[in-house]
């Protein structure tokens, strides 16, 4: 597994950080003035870029990095 956060855009890192803080997709979308669909898209792209299995793995990684 490869978890190079440097691959991520500023926006993707911001979303990952908020996920680490237990923000919901809906709350993140409101805070960033984006749609839920856009947030979910960033989430899926981030999972793919970091070669993670799923959203749970992304959140675990996010918590280990940002908390």
Protein backbone atom coordinates (compact mmCIF):
# COMPACT_ATOMS: atom_id res chain seq x y z
CA UNK A 1 0.00 0.00 0.00
CA UNK A 2 1.17 3.49 -0.83
CA UNK A 3 -0.05 6.47 1.20
CA UNK A 4 1.75 9.45 -0.32
CA UNK A 5 -0.40 12.39 0.73
CA UNK A 6 1.79 14.64 -1.44
CA UNK A 7 -0.19 13.24 -4.40
CA UNK A 8 -3.31 14.98 -3.15
CA UNK A 9 -4.53 18.43 -4.07
CA UNK A 10 -5.04 21.07 -1.42
CA UNK A 11 -8.82 20.47 -1.61
CA UNK A 12 -8.43 16.70 -1.22
CA UNK A 13 -6.20 17.18 1.83
CA UNK A 14 -8.75 19.58 3.29
CA UNK A 15 -11.54 17.02 2.83
CA UNK A 16 -9.39 14.24 4.31
CA UNK A 17 -8.63 16.42 7.34
CA UNK A 18 -12.33 17.14 7.89
CA UNK A 19 -13.16 13.45 7.56
CA UNK A 20 -10.55 12.77 10.25
CA UNK A 21 -12.44 15.18 12.48
CA UNK A 22 -15.65 13.13 11.93
CA UNK A 23 -17.35 15.68 9.67
CA UNK A 24 -20.10 14.20 7.50
CA UNK A 25 -20.03 14.55 3.72
CA UNK A 26 -23.01 16.89 3.98
CA UNK A 27 -21.30 19.11 6.57
CA UNK A 28 -18.10 19.23 4.52
CA UNK A 29 -20.09 20.16 1.42
CA UNK A 30 -21.80 23.02 3.27
CA UNK A 31 -18.55 24.29 4.77
CA UNK A 32 -16.72 24.27 1.42
CA UNK A 33 -19.74 25.46 -0.60
CA UNK A 34 -19.64 22.34 -2.77
CA UNK A 35 -22.19 19.65 -3.55
CA UNK A 36 -22.32 16.31 -1.74
CA UNK A 37 -21.56 14.69 -5.08
CA UNK A 38 -18.36 16.73 -5.47
CA UNK A 39 -17.20 15.78 -1.96
CA UNK A 40 -17.92 12.10 -2.66
CA UNK A 41 -16.02 12.39 -5.94
CA UNK A 42 -12.98 13.84 -4.17
CA UNK A 43 -13.27 11.07 -1.59
CA UNK A 44 -13.32 8.31 -4.22
CA UNK A 45 -10.44 9.84 -6.16
CA UNK A 46 -8.42 10.13 -2.95
CA UNK A 47 -9.10 6.46 -2.12
CA UNK A 48 -7.90 5.52 -5.59
CA UNK A 49 -4.81 7.77 -5.53
CA UNK A 50 -3.74 6.43 -2.15
CA UNK A 51 -4.48 2.85 -3.17
CA UNK A 52 -6.84 2.28 -0.26
CA UNK A 53 -9.60 -0.32 -0.07
CA UNK A 54 -12.51 1.87 0.96
CA UNK A 55 -13.79 4.90 2.85
CA UNK A 56 -13.10 3.27 6.21
CA UNK A 57 -9.43 2.88 5.32
CA UNK A 58 -9.34 6.53 4.20
CA UNK A 59 -10.81 7.72 7.50
CA UNK A 60 -8.39 5.57 9.51
CA UNK A 61 -5.46 6.99 7.54
CA UNK A 62 -6.81 10.52 7.93
CA UNK A 63 -7.07 10.13 11.69
CA UNK A 64 -3.54 8.77 11.92
CA UNK A 65 -2.20 11.76 9.95
CA UNK A 66 -4.30 14.65 11.22
CA UNK A 67 -5.21 13.75 14.81
